[in-house]
């Protein structure tokens, strides 16, 4: 008699089962990479990292990959150069029936009231003509009564976009499940193809199929969200165009569903001109996009520093890059979104942000960040406080 198959809630993907502290995991829609016992690379900023990494990989055995993360400000990286990388299929999407019984304490940073005030200040600055869009973030400091583990969290996050776990310090791990692909490069028969998938403009999922369909339709019809999305798509296309022999940018966005939100999505594809830049060089040319910073970039970053810094938010690796590249320059880089930093085995710091434009409603932007927190909170058996 064949052995009984494990129940879905009991199943653990091999890549998660084999994970050990200090490993780096990156899982996309088609494959999962697990890097063991590699050579760490830190302290190199994004301005120099593509060339430095290309030189290092050229001296390594064929098949060596660099896997890891780059901070939002581009000044720090946590990468692993690994000659032997475990490759597996995509992580399964699992549906666990959880009831919110994990005792936790949650502190909002800043408070919800102060975040709403910051959004209003950003809207005022946009109305004054200083910029067109700014992305404002907030955090939740969570202390769990239960011990937490990276594999335990990954089990609940797998199958949702780009799942990752990157060690970023002593007993500190960046972990999350991002919906947004910044750039991928694949080369076949000497031709390098790229894909970028900017997301901007969001709304919470509806309760039930009919309400959910209505939420997606209303998002597609929203002038505010379409404007926010167009700002991102135009900037991504502008940054990629000089590197491409051809570039296809759809005229209209499509709705993309994640577990807690609908997003406006545009799938940009292209063929690179020779000499083809590496995936990481393309990521450096794109970063930071208006999806995570705003536009124009310099005034948006200045406002982020002022309003987030004043509220106690330090992004670190949140909204940075997470992914991989090989010696040929092929690779895949997502934005580090829907993520948290696990510090030890009981403390988590969750991050979420919202794009602010002239027509933004502060209460709606707060609700959007709460929905974005939902993916990590679900993995903890809790819900955000209302």
Protein backbone atom coordinates (compact mmCIF):
# COMPACT_ATOMS: atom_id res chain seq x y z
CA UNK A 1 0.00 0.00 0.00
CA UNK A 2 1.52 3.41 -1.00
CA UNK A 3 2.41 5.82 1.81
CA UNK A 4 -0.23 8.35 2.69
CA UNK A 5 0.35 11.73 1.07
CA UNK A 6 0.88 14.55 3.57
CA UNK A 7 -1.97 16.94 4.14
CA UNK A 8 -1.52 20.26 2.36
CA UNK A 9 -0.96 22.15 5.59
CA UNK A 10 1.78 19.62 6.52
CA UNK A 11 3.67 19.78 3.22
CA UNK A 12 7.04 21.52 3.23
CA UNK A 13 8.73 22.29 -0.09
CA UNK A 14 12.22 20.72 -0.31
CA UNK A 15 13.93 24.12 -0.63
CA UNK A 16 12.30 25.27 2.62
CA UNK A 17 12.94 21.94 4.35
CA UNK A 18 16.65 22.16 3.41
CA UNK A 19 17.02 25.80 4.49
CA UNK A 20 19.61 26.40 7.21
CA UNK A 21 20.37 29.63 9.12
CA UNK A 22 22.62 31.81 6.99
CA UNK A 23 21.32 30.42 3.68
CA UNK A 24 19.90 32.68 0.99
CA UNK A 25 16.66 31.72 -0.75
CA UNK A 26 15.07 33.36 -3.77
CA UNK A 27 11.99 31.84 -5.39
CA UNK A 28 10.28 33.17 -8.49
CA UNK A 29 7.32 31.96 -10.54
CA UNK A 30 9.42 29.34 -12.37
CA UNK A 31 12.25 28.27 -10.04
CA UNK A 32 13.68 28.39 -6.52
CA UNK A 33 17.35 29.01 -5.70
CA UNK A 34 18.87 28.04 -2.35
CA UNK A 35 22.48 29.12 -1.76
CA UNK A 36 24.46 27.22 0.91
CA UNK A 37 27.89 28.03 2.31
CA UNK A 38 28.81 30.64 -0.27
CA UNK A 39 31.28 33.50 -0.13
CA UNK A 40 29.66 36.64 1.29
CA UNK A 41 29.95 39.96 -0.53
CA UNK A 42 29.09 43.09 1.45
CA UNK A 43 29.95 46.76 1.54
CA UNK A 44 29.80 47.45 -2.21
CA UNK A 45 27.39 50.16 -3.36
CA UNK A 46 25.08 49.83 -6.35
CA UNK A 47 27.13 52.33 -8.39
CA UNK A 48 30.05 49.87 -8.49
CA UNK A 49 28.37 46.55 -7.78
CA UNK A 50 27.53 45.40 -11.36
CA UNK A 51 31.14 45.72 -12.54
CA UNK A 52 32.62 44.36 -9.30
CA UNK A 53 30.30 41.38 -9.35
CA UNK A 54 30.94 40.64 -13.02
CA UNK A 55 34.70 40.56 -12.34
CA UNK A 56 34.26 38.24 -9.36
CA UNK A 57 31.93 35.86 -11.19
CA UNK A 58 34.27 35.69 -14.18
CA UNK A 59 36.94 34.15 -11.93
CA UNK A 60 34.58 31.59 -10.39
CA UNK A 61 33.61 28.15 -11.73
CA UNK A 62 30.96 27.94 -14.40
CA UNK A 63 27.54 27.98 -12.83
CA UNK A 64 28.42 30.27 -9.92
CA UNK A 65 25.62 32.66 -8.99
CA UNK A 66 25.37 35.76 -6.84
CA UNK A 67 22.15 35.74 -4.81
CA UNK A 68 20.97 38.30 -2.27
CA UNK A 69 19.84 41.86 -1.68
CA UNK A 70 20.84 45.50 -2.16
CA UNK A 71 19.62 48.22 0.20
CA UNK A 72 17.11 50.87 -0.83
CA UNK A 73 19.73 53.64 -0.73
CA UNK A 74 22.06 51.51 -2.87
CA UNK A 75 24.93 51.89 -0.42
CA UNK A 76 24.96 48.36 1.03
CA UNK A 77 24.56 44.81 -0.25
CA UNK A 78 24.26 41.34 1.21
CA UNK A 79 25.10 38.87 -1.52
CA UNK A 80 26.30 35.28 -1.53
CA UNK A 81 28.61 34.01 -4.29
CA UNK A 82 27.82 30.34 -4.45
CA UNK A 83 29.43 27.74 -6.72
CA UNK A 84 26.79 25.15 -5.86
CA UNK A 85 23.22 26.36 -5.77
CA UNK A 86 20.30 24.05 -5.12
CA UNK A 87 17.68 24.57 -7.82
CA UNK A 88 14.08 23.48 -7.49
CA UNK A 89 10.70 24.27 -8.92
CA UNK A 90 8.59 27.20 -7.73
CA UNK A 91 7.34 27.15 -4.17
CA UNK A 92 3.78 25.81 -3.92
CA UNK A 93 0.99 28.14 -3.00
CA UNK A 94 -0.41 26.77 0.20
CA UNK A 95 -3.65 27.68 1.92
CA UNK A 96 -3.40 27.25 5.66
CA UNK A 97 -6.44 27.58 7.86
CA UNK A 98 -5.26 29.89 10.61
CA UNK A 99 -7.35 31.45 13.34
CA UNK A 100 -5.25 34.33 14.66
CA UNK A 101 -4.20 32.78 17.95
CA UNK A 102 -0.53 33.80 18.09
CA UNK A 103 -0.16 36.32 20.96
CA UNK A 104 1.83 39.29 19.71
CA UNK A 105 2.38 42.92 20.56
CA UNK A 106 2.35 45.37 17.67
CA UNK A 107 3.62 48.94 17.71
CA UNK A 108 2.99 51.14 14.67
CA UNK A 109 5.95 53.28 13.56
CA UNK A 110 4.82 56.01 13.18
CA UNK A 111 1.32 55.84 14.68
CA UNK A 112 -1.56 55.60 12.21
CA UNK A 113 -2.55 59.16 13.10
CA UNK A 114 0.95 60.47 12.40
CA UNK A 115 1.16 58.53 9.13
CA UNK A 116 -2.07 60.16 7.95
CA UNK A 117 -0.60 63.55 8.86
CA UNK A 118 2.52 62.75 6.83
CA UNK A 119 0.38 61.79 3.83
CA UNK A 120 -1.46 65.13 4.08
CA UNK A 121 1.86 66.97 4.16
CA UNK A 122 3.00 65.09 1.07
CA UNK A 123 -0.24 65.96 -0.75
CA UNK A 124 0.31 69.63 0.12
CA UNK A 125 3.84 69.51 -1.29
CA UNK A 126 2.59 67.85 -4.46
CA UNK A 127 -0.16 70.48 -4.80
CA UNK A 128 2.53 73.17 -4.43
CA UNK A 129 4.28 71.76 -7.51
CA UNK A 130 7.38 70.40 -5.77
CA UNK A 131 6.88 66.89 -7.19
CA UNK A 132 4.29 64.60 -8.79
CA UNK A 133 4.42 61.55 -6.53
CA UNK A 134 6.03 60.36 -3.30
CA UNK A 135 5.93 56.90 -1.74
CA UNK A 136 5.56 57.05 2.03
CA UNK A 137 6.29 54.02 4.17
CA UNK A 138 5.46 52.90 7.66
CA UNK A 139 6.46 49.97 9.85
CA UNK A 140 5.05 47.62 12.44
CA UNK A 141 7.30 46.44 15.26
CA UNK A 142 6.02 42.98 16.21
CA UNK A 143 7.05 40.86 19.19
CA UNK A 144 5.76 37.31 19.11
CA UNK A 145 5.07 35.11 22.11
CA UNK A 146 5.94 32.13 19.93
CA UNK A 147 9.37 31.43 18.55
CA UNK A 148 9.57 32.34 14.87
CA UNK A 149 11.72 30.73 12.19
CA UNK A 150 12.57 31.58 8.62
CA UNK A 151 11.33 28.21 7.27
CA UNK A 152 8.12 28.59 9.27
CA UNK A 153 7.41 31.98 7.73
CA UNK A 154 8.45 30.87 4.24
CA UNK A 155 5.88 28.07 4.33
CA UNK A 156 3.12 30.66 4.50
CA UNK A 157 4.71 33.07 2.02
CA UNK A 158 5.61 30.66 -0.78
CA UNK A 159 3.81 30.86 -4.08
CA UNK A 160 3.04 34.58 -3.88
CA UNK A 161 5.26 36.31 -6.46
CA UNK A 162 8.94 36.43 -5.49
CA UNK A 163 9.66 34.83 -2.11
CA UNK A 164 12.99 35.51 -0.44
CA UNK A 165 15.07 35.11 2.70
CA UNK A 166 18.42 36.94 2.85
CA UNK A 167 20.71 37.12 5.91
CA UNK A 168 21.52 40.79 6.56
CA UNK A 169 23.34 40.62 9.89
CA UNK A 170 23.81 38.56 13.02
CA UNK A 171 20.55 36.61 13.43
CA UNK A 172 18.79 39.13 11.18
CA UNK A 173 17.02 37.99 8.02
CA UNK A 174 15.16 39.93 5.36
CA UNK A 175 12.14 37.83 4.46
CA UNK A 176 9.14 38.47 2.26
CA UNK A 177 7.01 37.74 -0.80
CA UNK A 178 7.13 40.58 -3.33
CA UNK A 179 4.63 40.87 -6.19
CA UNK A 180 6.87 43.15 -8.26
CA UNK A 181 9.55 42.12 -10.77
CA UNK A 182 11.94 44.99 -11.39
CA UNK A 183 13.86 43.33 -14.25
CA UNK A 184 14.80 39.93 -15.58
CA UNK A 185 17.25 39.06 -18.35
CA UNK A 186 17.38 35.74 -20.21
CA UNK A 187 19.78 35.02 -23.08
CA UNK A 188 19.07 32.38 -25.72
CA UNK A 189 21.11 31.90 -28.92
CA UNK A 190 22.96 35.14 -28.27
CA UNK A 191 19.79 37.23 -27.92
CA UNK A 192 19.08 38.81 -24.52
CA UNK A 193 15.43 39.34 -23.69
CA UNK A 194 14.21 41.44 -20.77
CA UNK A 195 10.97 41.67 -18.80
CA UNK A 196 9.93 44.37 -16.34
CA UNK A 197 6.61 44.40 -14.50
CA UNK A 198 5.98 47.73 -12.77
CA UNK A 199 3.04 47.87 -10.39
CA UNK A 200 1.40 51.06 -9.14
CA UNK A 201 -2.16 51.87 -8.19
CA UNK A 202 -3.74 49.49 -5.68
CA UNK A 203 -6.96 48.68 -3.88
CA UNK A 204 -7.89 46.06 -1.26
CA UNK A 205 -9.46 42.81 -2.50
CA UNK A 206 -13.21 42.51 -2.15
CA UNK A 207 -14.98 40.14 0.27
CA UNK A 208 -16.51 37.52 -2.01
CA UNK A 209 -16.26 37.00 -5.80
CA UNK A 210 -18.72 39.73 -6.83
CA UNK A 211 -17.18 42.40 -4.58
CA UNK A 212 -13.71 41.31 -5.67
CA UNK A 213 -14.54 41.70 -9.35
CA UNK A 214 -16.04 45.10 -8.64
CA UNK A 215 -12.89 46.19 -6.80
CA UNK A 216 -10.76 45.24 -9.81
CA UNK A 217 -13.08 47.08 -12.21
CA UNK A 218 -13.11 50.20 -10.06
CA UNK A 219 -9.31 50.16 -9.89
CA UNK A 220 -9.07 49.97 -13.68
CA UNK A 221 -11.46 52.92 -13.94
CA UNK A 222 -9.74 55.06 -11.28
CA UNK A 223 -8.20 58.22 -12.77
CA UNK A 224 -6.06 58.66 -9.66
CA UNK A 225 -4.61 55.14 -9.81
CA UNK A 226 -4.11 55.22 -13.58
CA UNK A 227 -2.20 58.48 -13.22
CA UNK A 228 -0.01 56.99 -10.50
CA UNK A 229 0.60 53.92 -12.66
CA UNK A 230 1.41 55.91 -15.78
CA UNK A 231 4.12 57.87 -13.92
CA UNK A 232 5.88 54.60 -13.08
CA UNK A 233 5.53 52.95 -16.49
CA UNK A 234 6.78 56.00 -18.37
CA UNK A 235 9.88 56.26 -16.18
CA UNK A 236 10.69 52.54 -16.43
CA UNK A 237 10.32 52.66 -20.22
CA UNK A 238 12.47 55.81 -20.40
CA UNK A 239 15.24 54.16 -18.38
CA UNK A 240 15.21 50.92 -20.40
CA UNK A 241 14.89 52.37 -23.89
CA UNK A 242 18.61 53.33 -24.39
CA UNK A 243 19.65 49.71 -23.78
CA UNK A 244 17.10 48.09 -26.10
CA UNK A 245 16.91 47.18 -29.75
CA UNK A 246 13.15 47.06 -29.31
CA UNK A 247 10.87 47.69 -26.36
CA UNK A 248 7.18 46.86 -26.07
CA UNK A 249 5.10 48.87 -23.60
CA UNK A 250 1.37 48.00 -23.54
CA UNK A 251 -0.90 51.01 -23.84
CA UNK A 252 -3.22 49.89 -21.04
CA UNK A 253 -2.57 48.32 -17.63
CA UNK A 254 -4.20 45.12 -16.45
CA UNK A 255 -5.33 44.18 -12.94
CA UNK A 256 -3.03 41.84 -10.99
CA UNK A 257 -4.34 40.02 -7.92
CA UNK A 258 -2.27 39.36 -4.83
CA UNK A 259 -3.66 37.77 -1.64
CA UNK A 260 -4.74 41.11 -0.17
CA UNK A 261 -4.69 43.66 -3.02
CA UNK A 262 -5.44 44.35 -6.65
CA UNK A 263 -2.65 46.21 -8.47
CA UNK A 264 -2.47 47.91 -11.84
CA UNK A 265 0.20 46.02 -13.77
CA UNK A 266 2.05 46.58 -17.04
CA UNK A 267 4.28 43.85 -18.48
CA UNK A 268 7.12 45.51 -20.41
CA UNK A 269 9.24 43.31 -22.70
CA UNK A 270 12.21 44.01 -24.92
CA UNK A 271 15.35 42.82 -26.69
CA UNK A 272 18.69 44.24 -25.57
CA UNK A 273 21.08 45.86 -28.02
CA UNK A 274 24.73 44.77 -28.07
CA UNK A 275 26.70 44.92 -25.88
CA UNK A 276 23.91 43.77 -23.57
CA UNK A 277 24.15 45.14 -20.02
CA UNK A 278 23.79 42.66 -17.16
CA UNK A 279 20.55 42.22 -15.28
CA UNK A 280 22.11 43.97 -12.27
CA UNK A 281 23.33 46.88 -14.42
CA UNK A 282 19.78 47.28 -15.71
CA UNK A 283 18.43 47.12 -12.17
CA UNK A 284 20.89 49.86 -11.16
CA UNK A 285 19.72 52.01 -14.08
CA UNK A 286 16.09 51.60 -13.00
CA UNK A 287 16.49 51.96 -9.23
CA UNK A 288 14.68 53.61 -7.55
CA UNK A 289 11.59 53.62 -9.73
CA UNK A 290 8.60 55.87 -8.99
CA UNK A 291 6.85 52.75 -7.65
CA UNK A 292 9.02 52.85 -4.51
CA UNK A 293 10.30 56.45 -4.39
CA UNK A 294 8.19 58.83 -6.46
CA UNK A 295 8.86 61.31 -9.23
CA UNK A 296 10.88 63.37 -9.93
CA UNK A 297 13.35 61.19 -8.06
CA UNK A 298 15.44 63.78 -6.20
CA UNK A 299 12.59 65.77 -4.61
CA UNK A 300 10.75 62.51 -3.87
CA UNK A 301 13.77 61.08 -2.04
CA UNK A 302 14.20 64.32 -0.14
CA UNK A 303 10.58 64.26 1.00
CA UNK A 304 10.86 60.58 1.96
CA UNK A 305 13.90 61.36 4.08
CA UNK A 306 12.08 64.23 5.76
CA UNK A 307 8.72 62.57 6.43
CA UNK A 308 9.75 58.95 7.01
CA UNK A 309 12.86 59.88 8.98
CA UNK A 310 10.79 62.18 11.17
CA UNK A 311 8.39 59.30 11.82
CA UNK A 312 11.10 56.85 12.85
CA UNK A 313 11.13 54.75 9.66
CA UNK A 314 14.47 53.54 8.32
CA UNK A 315 13.97 51.55 5.14
CA UNK A 316 17.24 49.63 5.12
CA UNK A 317 16.68 46.78 2.65
CA UNK A 318 12.95 47.45 2.33
CA UNK A 319 12.26 48.69 -1.22
CA UNK A 320 15.76 47.61 -2.23
CA UNK A 321 16.63 44.88 -4.73
CA UNK A 322 16.49 41.14 -4.14
CA UNK A 323 17.42 38.48 -6.66
CA UNK A 324 20.31 36.85 -8.51
CA UNK A 325 22.72 37.16 -11.41
CA UNK A 326 25.22 34.85 -13.10
CA UNK A 327 28.49 35.33 -14.95
CA UNK A 328 26.71 35.82 -18.29
CA UNK A 329 24.70 38.72 -16.89
CA UNK A 330 21.40 36.86 -16.92
CA UNK A 331 19.37 37.20 -13.75
CA UNK A 332 16.21 38.29 -12.03
CA UNK A 333 15.70 41.17 -9.60
CA UNK A 334 12.52 41.93 -7.68
CA UNK A 335 11.74 44.82 -5.38
CA UNK A 336 11.95 43.94 -1.68
CA UNK A 337 8.29 44.54 -0.86
CA UNK A 338 5.73 42.77 1.42
CA UNK A 339 8.66 42.03 3.66
CA UNK A 340 9.98 42.14 7.19
CA UNK A 341 13.24 41.82 9.06
CA UNK A 342 13.31 38.90 11.50
CA UNK A 343 15.60 39.82 14.40
CA UNK A 344 16.37 36.79 16.55
CA UNK A 345 13.40 34.45 16.93
CA UNK A 346 10.65 36.66 18.34
CA UNK A 347 10.98 40.15 16.84
CA UNK A 348 9.86 41.25 13.40
CA UNK A 349 9.77 44.66 11.77
CA UNK A 350 7.24 44.77 8.94
CA UNK A 351 7.23 47.40 6.19
CA UNK A 352 4.59 48.78 3.83
CA UNK A 353 4.14 51.94 1.79
CA UNK A 354 1.72 53.74 -0.49
CA UNK A 355 2.16 56.01 -3.49
CA UNK A 356 0.90 59.52 -2.82
CA UNK A 357 -0.31 61.75 -5.67
CA UNK A 358 -2.38 64.93 -5.79
CA UNK A 359 -5.72 63.06 -5.63
CA UNK A 360 -4.74 60.72 -2.80
CA UNK A 361 -7.07 60.21 0.16
CA UNK A 362 -5.03 59.86 3.38
CA UNK A 363 -7.44 57.35 4.92
CA UNK A 364 -7.37 55.21 1.77
CA UNK A 365 -3.55 55.26 1.71
CA UNK A 366 -3.49 54.11 5.34
CA UNK A 367 -5.90 51.28 4.46
CA UNK A 368 -3.64 50.28 1.57
CA UNK A 369 -0.63 49.94 3.87
CA UNK A 370 -2.68 47.85 6.29
CA UNK A 371 -3.67 45.53 3.42
CA UNK A 372 -0.01 45.22 2.41
CA UNK A 373 0.93 44.27 5.97
CA UNK A 374 -1.63 41.48 5.68
CA UNK A 375 0.64 39.00 3.88
CA UNK A 376 3.25 38.98 6.65
CA UNK A 377 0.64 39.18 9.41
CA UNK A 378 -1.15 36.17 7.94
CA UNK A 379 2.11 34.22 8.20
CA UNK A 380 2.14 35.09 11.92
CA UNK A 381 -1.48 34.05 12.55
CA UNK A 382 -2.50 37.64 13.29
CA UNK A 383 -4.30 40.52 11.63
CA UNK A 384 -3.46 44.25 11.77
CA UNK A 385 -5.18 46.13 14.59
CA UNK A 386 -8.00 48.39 13.47
